[in-house]
């Protein structure tokens, strides 16, 4: 990807919400109860945001025994 195209993409990703809504979007933590959270996804459906993720005790499972 050429640099001018990258700059245009970054402009809309970071400054688009500010220009569209007149303010910066709110950022807040929604969950931190597990030792490790991963594989996040965020979607908007009918004016609501839904966030999904995986919780675990660590980055890799401890019960990886071969059978």
PDB file of N, CA and C in Angstrom:
ATOM      1  N   UNK A   1       0.856  -1.179   0.000  1.00  0.00           N
ATOM      2  CA  UNK A   1       0.000   0.000   0.000  1.00  0.00           C
ATOM      3  C   UNK A   1       0.898   1.237   0.000  1.00  0.00           C
ATOM      4  N   UNK A   2       0.557   2.194  -0.799  1.00  0.00           N
ATOM      5  CA  UNK A   2       1.338   3.417  -0.881  1.00  0.00           C
ATOM      6  C   UNK A   2       1.041   4.308   0.326  1.00  0.00           C
ATOM      7  N   UNK A   3       2.000   5.120   0.706  1.00  0.00           N
ATOM      8  CA  UNK A   3       1.857   5.955   1.903  1.00  0.00           C
ATOM      9  C   UNK A   3       0.693   6.929   1.847  1.00  0.00           C
ATOM     10  N   UNK A   4       0.430   7.623   0.725  1.00  0.00           N
ATOM     11  CA  UNK A   4      -0.728   8.534   0.717  1.00  0.00           C
ATOM     12  C   UNK A   4      -2.043   7.814   1.002  1.00  0.00           C
ATOM     13  N   UNK A   5      -2.216   6.620   0.480  1.00  0.00           N
ATOM     14  CA  UNK A   5      -3.446   5.868   0.744  1.00  0.00           C
ATOM     15  C   UNK A   5      -3.528   5.491   2.216  1.00  0.00           C
ATOM     16  N   UNK A   6      -2.405   5.113   2.801  1.00  0.00           N
ATOM     17  CA  UNK A   6      -2.378   4.764   4.223  1.00  0.00           C
ATOM     18  C   UNK A   6      -2.755   5.964   5.080  1.00  0.00           C
ATOM     19  N   UNK A   7      -2.254   7.136   4.747  1.00  0.00           N
ATOM     20  CA  UNK A   7      -2.577   8.342   5.511  1.00  0.00           C
ATOM     21  C   UNK A   7      -4.057   8.679   5.410  1.00  0.00           C
ATOM     22  N   UNK A   8      -4.645   8.471   4.262  1.00  0.00           N
ATOM     23  CA  UNK A   8      -6.080   8.739   4.107  1.00  0.00           C
ATOM     24  C   UNK A   8      -6.895   7.774   4.954  1.00  0.00           C
ATOM     25  N   UNK A   9      -6.509   6.510   4.961  1.00  0.00           N
ATOM     26  CA  UNK A   9      -7.213   5.514   5.778  1.00  0.00           C
ATOM     27  C   UNK A   9      -7.094   5.860   7.254  1.00  0.00           C
ATOM     28  N   UNK A  10      -5.883   6.179   7.705  1.00  0.00           N
ATOM     29  CA  UNK A  10      -5.683   6.535   9.111  1.00  0.00           C
ATOM     30  C   UNK A  10      -6.465   7.784   9.494  1.00  0.00           C
ATOM     31  N   UNK A  11      -6.552   8.738   8.582  1.00  0.00           N
ATOM     32  CA  UNK A  11      -7.322   9.952   8.839  1.00  0.00           C
ATOM     33  C   UNK A  11      -8.776   9.616   9.143  1.00  0.00           C
ATOM     34  N   UNK A  12      -9.390   8.792   8.306  1.00  0.00           N
ATOM     35  CA  UNK A  12     -10.792   8.469   8.506  1.00  0.00           C
ATOM     36  C   UNK A  12     -11.025   7.564   9.711  1.00  0.00           C
ATOM     37  N   UNK A  13     -10.088   6.688  10.010  1.00  0.00           N
ATOM     38  CA  UNK A  13     -10.252   5.802  11.158  1.00  0.00           C
ATOM     39  C   UNK A  13     -10.185   6.585  12.458  1.00  0.00           C
ATOM     40  N   UNK A  14      -9.212   7.489  12.566  1.00  0.00           N
ATOM     41  CA  UNK A  14      -9.009   8.187  13.830  1.00  0.00           C
ATOM     42  C   UNK A  14      -9.736   9.522  13.932  1.00  0.00           C
ATOM     43  N   UNK A  15      -9.879  10.234  12.835  1.00  0.00           N
ATOM     44  CA  UNK A  15     -10.530  11.533  12.891  1.00  0.00           C
ATOM     45  C   UNK A  15     -11.954  11.513  12.369  1.00  0.00           C
ATOM     46  N   UNK A  16     -12.343  10.450  11.698  1.00  0.00           N
ATOM     47  CA  UNK A  16     -13.710  10.349  11.195  1.00  0.00           C
ATOM     48  C   UNK A  16     -14.770  10.496  12.274  1.00  0.00           C
ATOM     49  N   UNK A  17     -14.655   9.757  13.396  1.00  0.00           N
ATOM     50  CA  UNK A  17     -15.663   9.916  14.457  1.00  0.00           C
ATOM     51  C   UNK A  17     -15.708  11.324  15.037  1.00  0.00           C
ATOM     52  N   UNK A  18     -14.568  11.963  15.143  1.00  0.00           N
ATOM     53  CA  UNK A  18     -14.534  13.329  15.676  1.00  0.00           C
ATOM     54  C   UNK A  18     -15.282  14.271  14.734  1.00  0.00           C
ATOM     55  N   UNK A  19     -15.041  14.140  13.432  1.00  0.00           N
ATOM     56  CA  UNK A  19     -15.712  15.005  12.467  1.00  0.00           C
ATOM     57  C   UNK A  19     -17.199  14.678  12.359  1.00  0.00           C
ATOM     58  N   UNK A  20     -17.549  13.411  12.450  1.00  0.00           N
ATOM     59  CA  UNK A  20     -18.944  13.006  12.283  1.00  0.00           C
ATOM     60  C   UNK A  20     -19.798  13.379  13.490  1.00  0.00           C
ATOM     61  N   UNK A  21     -19.256  13.248  14.696  1.00  0.00           N
ATOM     62  CA  UNK A  21     -20.045  13.462  15.904  1.00  0.00           C
ATOM     63  C   UNK A  21     -19.656  14.724  16.667  1.00  0.00           C
ATOM     64  N   UNK A  22     -18.590  15.390  16.247  1.00  0.00           N
ATOM     65  CA  UNK A  22     -18.199  16.619  16.895  1.00  0.00           C
ATOM     66  C   UNK A  22     -17.444  16.419  18.197  1.00  0.00           C
ATOM     67  N   UNK A  23     -17.165  15.186  18.557  1.00  0.00           N
ATOM     68  CA  UNK A  23     -16.416  14.905  19.787  1.00  0.00           C
ATOM     69  C   UNK A  23     -15.717  13.564  19.645  1.00  0.00           C
ATOM     70  N   UNK A  24     -14.783  13.315  20.542  1.00  0.00           N
ATOM     71  CA  UNK A  24     -14.108  12.032  20.506  1.00  0.00           C
ATOM     72  C   UNK A  24     -15.034  10.949  21.050  1.00  0.00           C
ATOM     73  N   UNK A  25     -14.940   9.728  20.509  1.00  0.00           N
ATOM     74  CA  UNK A  25     -15.775   8.643  21.035  1.00  0.00           C
ATOM     75  C   UNK A  25     -15.352   8.289  22.454  1.00  0.00           C
ATOM     76  N   UNK A  26     -16.296   7.803  23.224  1.00  0.00           N
ATOM     77  CA  UNK A  26     -16.021   7.404  24.606  1.00  0.00           C
ATOM     78  C   UNK A  26     -15.275   6.077  24.616  1.00  0.00           C
ATOM     79  N   UNK A  27     -14.271   5.982  25.450  1.00  0.00           N
ATOM     80  CA  UNK A  27     -13.513   4.747  25.613  1.00  0.00           C
ATOM     81  C   UNK A  27     -13.599   4.336  27.069  1.00  0.00           C
ATOM     82  N   UNK A  28     -14.062   3.109  27.314  1.00  0.00           N
ATOM     83  CA  UNK A  28     -14.127   2.620  28.695  1.00  0.00           C
ATOM     84  C   UNK A  28     -13.956   1.117  28.721  1.00  0.00           C
ATOM     85  N   UNK A  29     -13.422   0.635  29.824  1.00  0.00           N
ATOM     86  CA  UNK A  29     -13.215  -0.791  30.000  1.00  0.00           C
ATOM     87  C   UNK A  29     -14.558  -1.443  30.286  1.00  0.00           C
ATOM     88  N   UNK A  30     -14.854  -2.548  29.605  1.00  0.00           N
ATOM     89  CA  UNK A  30     -16.133  -3.211  29.822  1.00  0.00           C
ATOM     90  C   UNK A  30     -15.991  -4.521  30.585  1.00  0.00           C
ATOM     91  N   UNK A  31     -14.765  -5.062  30.677  1.00  0.00           N
ATOM     92  CA  UNK A  31     -14.603  -6.343  31.376  1.00  0.00           C
ATOM     93  C   UNK A  31     -13.132  -6.588  31.672  1.00  0.00           C
ATOM     94  N   UNK A  32     -12.836  -7.085  32.867  1.00  0.00           N
ATOM     95  CA  UNK A  32     -11.465  -7.471  33.203  1.00  0.00           C
ATOM     96  C   UNK A  32     -11.448  -8.514  34.320  1.00  0.00           C
ATOM     97  N   UNK A  33     -12.446  -9.367  34.376  1.00  0.00           N
ATOM     98  CA  UNK A  33     -12.582 -10.326  35.472  1.00  0.00           C
ATOM     99  C   UNK A  33     -11.739 -11.587  35.299  1.00  0.00           C
ATOM    100  N   UNK A  34     -11.327 -11.925  34.089  1.00  0.00           N
ATOM    101  CA  UNK A  34     -10.525 -13.130  33.860  1.00  0.00           C
ATOM    102  C   UNK A  34      -9.043 -12.759  33.784  1.00  0.00           C
ATOM    103  N   UNK A  35      -8.160 -13.724  34.115  1.00  0.00           N
ATOM    104  CA  UNK A  35      -6.729 -13.448  33.994  1.00  0.00           C
ATOM    105  C   UNK A  35      -6.294 -13.163  32.562  1.00  0.00           C
ATOM    106  N   UNK A  36      -6.986 -13.740  31.576  1.00  0.00           N
ATOM    107  CA  UNK A  36      -6.605 -13.524  30.180  1.00  0.00           C
ATOM    108  C   UNK A  36      -7.866 -13.465  29.320  1.00  0.00           C
ATOM    109  N   UNK A  37      -7.997 -12.403  28.539  1.00  0.00           N
ATOM    110  CA  UNK A  37      -9.096 -12.252  27.585  1.00  0.00           C
ATOM    111  C   UNK A  37      -8.493 -12.092  26.193  1.00  0.00           C
ATOM    112  N   UNK A  38      -9.089 -12.740  25.192  1.00  0.00           N
ATOM    113  CA  UNK A  38      -8.515 -12.691  23.853  1.00  0.00           C
ATOM    114  C   UNK A  38      -9.600 -12.879  22.801  1.00  0.00           C
ATOM    115  N   UNK A  39      -9.208 -12.743  21.547  1.00  0.00           N
ATOM    116  CA  UNK A  39     -10.068 -12.963  20.378  1.00  0.00           C
ATOM    117  C   UNK A  39     -11.323 -12.097  20.435  1.00  0.00           C
ATOM    118  N   UNK A  40     -11.104 -10.798  20.571  1.00  0.00           N
ATOM    119  CA  UNK A  40     -12.215  -9.867  20.694  1.00  0.00           C
ATOM    120  C   UNK A  40     -12.842  -9.564  19.339  1.00  0.00           C
ATOM    121  N   UNK A  41     -14.116  -9.207  19.390  1.00  0.00           N
ATOM    122  CA  UNK A  41     -14.823  -8.743  18.210  1.00  0.00           C
ATOM    123  C   UNK A  41     -15.883  -7.764  18.672  1.00  0.00           C
ATOM    124  N   UNK A  42     -16.124  -6.742  17.890  1.00  0.00           N
ATOM    125  CA  UNK A  42     -17.113  -5.726  18.215  1.00  0.00           C
ATOM    126  C   UNK A  42     -17.970  -5.485  16.989  1.00  0.00           C
ATOM    127  N   UNK A  43     -19.284  -5.609  17.153  1.00  0.00           N
ATOM    128  CA  UNK A  43     -20.203  -5.354  16.043  1.00  0.00           C
ATOM    129  C   UNK A  43     -21.293  -4.399  16.504  1.00  0.00           C
ATOM    130  N   UNK A  44     -21.914  -3.747  15.546  1.00  0.00           N
ATOM    131  CA  UNK A  44     -23.063  -2.893  15.834  1.00  0.00           C
ATOM    132  C   UNK A  44     -24.261  -3.482  15.116  1.00  0.00           C
ATOM    133  N   UNK A  45     -25.340  -3.696  15.865  1.00  0.00           N
ATOM    134  CA  UNK A  45     -26.557  -4.284  15.312  1.00  0.00           C
ATOM    135  C   UNK A  45     -27.754  -3.540  15.886  1.00  0.00           C
ATOM    136  N   UNK A  46     -28.527  -2.924  15.013  1.00  0.00           N
ATOM    137  CA  UNK A  46     -29.721  -2.179  15.413  1.00  0.00           C
ATOM    138  C   UNK A  46     -29.424  -1.179  16.530  1.00  0.00           C
ATOM    139  N   UNK A  47     -28.447  -0.332  16.302  1.00  0.00           N
ATOM    140  CA  UNK A  47     -28.068   0.753  17.215  1.00  0.00           C
ATOM    141  C   UNK A  47     -27.471   0.283  18.541  1.00  0.00           C
ATOM    142  N   UNK A  48     -27.114  -0.977  18.655  1.00  0.00           N
ATOM    143  CA  UNK A  48     -26.464  -1.492  19.864  1.00  0.00           C
ATOM    144  C   UNK A  48     -25.122  -2.105  19.487  1.00  0.00           C
ATOM    145  N   UNK A  49     -24.151  -1.977  20.370  1.00  0.00           N
ATOM    146  CA  UNK A  49     -22.848  -2.602  20.168  1.00  0.00           C
ATOM    147  C   UNK A  49     -22.789  -3.901  20.953  1.00  0.00           C
ATOM    148  N   UNK A  50     -22.210  -4.931  20.346  1.00  0.00           N
ATOM    149  CA  UNK A  50     -22.019  -6.231  20.986  1.00  0.00           C
ATOM    150  C   UNK A  50     -20.540  -6.590  20.912  1.00  0.00           C
ATOM    151  N   UNK A  51     -19.974  -6.931  22.059  1.00  0.00           N
ATOM    152  CA  UNK A  51     -18.567  -7.300  22.132  1.00  0.00           C
ATOM    153  C   UNK A  51     -18.473  -8.761  22.559  1.00  0.00           C
ATOM    154  N   UNK A  52     -17.683  -9.548  21.845  1.00  0.00           N
ATOM    155  CA  UNK A  52     -17.466 -10.947  22.208  1.00  0.00           C
ATOM    156  C   UNK A  52     -15.976 -11.181  22.398  1.00  0.00           C
ATOM    157  N   UNK A  53     -15.654 -12.127  23.268  1.00  0.00           N
ATOM    158  CA  UNK A  53     -14.259 -12.458  23.525  1.00  0.00           C
ATOM    159  C   UNK A  53     -14.175 -13.780  24.253  1.00  0.00           C
ATOM    160  N   UNK A  54     -12.978 -14.320  24.352  1.00  0.00           N
ATOM    161  CA  UNK A  54     -12.721 -15.577  25.044  1.00  0.00           C
ATOM    162  C   UNK A  54     -12.023 -15.274  26.357  1.00  0.00           C
ATOM    163  N   UNK A  55     -12.449 -15.946  27.432  1.00  0.00           N
ATOM    164  CA  UNK A  55     -11.795 -15.832  28.730  1.00  0.00           C
ATOM    165  C   UNK A  55     -10.980 -17.085  28.995  1.00  0.00           C
ATOM    166  N   UNK A  56      -9.853 -16.922  29.679  1.00  0.00           N
ATOM    167  CA  UNK A  56      -9.043 -18.070  30.020  1.00  0.00           C
ATOM    168  C   UNK A  56      -8.179 -17.801  31.237  1.00  0.00           C
ATOM    169  N   UNK A  57      -7.621 -18.865  31.774  1.00  0.00           N
ATOM    170  CA  UNK A  57      -6.726 -18.739  32.921  1.00  0.00           C
ATOM    171  C   UNK A  57      -5.366 -18.190  32.496  1.00  0.00           C
ATOM    172  N   UNK A  58      -4.976 -18.471  31.253  1.00  0.00           N
ATOM    173  CA  UNK A  58      -3.704 -17.976  30.733  1.00  0.00           C
ATOM    174  C   UNK A  58      -3.799 -17.892  29.212  1.00  0.00           C
ATOM    175  N   UNK A  59      -2.684 -17.561  28.592  1.00  0.00           N
ATOM    176  CA  UNK A  59      -2.673 -17.411  27.125  1.00  0.00           C
ATOM    177  C   UNK A  59      -2.902 -18.741  26.412  1.00  0.00           C
ATOM    178  N   UNK A  60      -2.392 -19.830  26.972  1.00  0.00           N
ATOM    179  CA  UNK A  60      -2.580 -21.163  26.391  1.00  0.00           C
ATOM    180  C   UNK A  60      -3.229 -22.064  27.441  1.00  0.00           C
ATOM    181  N   UNK A  61      -4.022 -23.057  27.023  1.00  0.00           N
ATOM    182  CA  UNK A  61      -4.644 -23.961  27.984  1.00  0.00           C
ATOM    183  C   UNK A  61      -3.603 -24.852  28.675  1.00  0.00           C
ATOM    184  N   UNK A  62      -3.895 -25.221  29.919  1.00  0.00           N
ATOM    185  CA  UNK A  62      -2.983 -26.070  30.692  1.00  0.00           C
ATOM    186  C   UNK A  62      -3.245 -27.547  30.468  1.00  0.00           C
ATOM    187  N   UNK A  63      -4.410 -27.891  29.968  1.00  0.00           N
ATOM    188  CA  UNK A  63      -4.779 -29.314  29.812  1.00  0.00           C
ATOM    189  C   UNK A  63      -4.544 -29.803  28.391  1.00  0.00           C
ATOM    190  N   UNK A  64      -3.364 -29.604  27.859  1.00  0.00           N
ATOM    191  CA  UNK A  64      -3.047 -30.001  26.482  1.00  0.00           C
ATOM    192  C   UNK A  64      -2.353 -31.360  26.469  1.00  0.00           C
ATOM    193  N   UNK A  65      -3.004 -32.348  27.019  1.00  0.00           N
ATOM    194  CA  UNK A  65      -2.435 -33.701  27.038  1.00  0.00           C
ATOM    195  C   UNK A  65      -2.840 -34.426  25.768  1.00  0.00           C
ATOM    196  N   UNK A  66      -1.927 -35.171  25.205  1.00  0.00           N
ATOM    197  CA  UNK A  66      -2.212 -35.971  23.999  1.00  0.00           C
ATOM    198  C   UNK A  66      -2.919 -37.255  24.395  1.00  0.00           C
ATOM    199  N   UNK A  67      -3.916 -37.635  23.652  1.00  0.00           N
ATOM    200  CA  UNK A  67      -4.652 -38.872  23.947  1.00  0.00           C
ATOM    201  C   UNK A  67      -4.417 -39.882  22.849  1.00  0.00           C
TER     202      UNK A  67
END
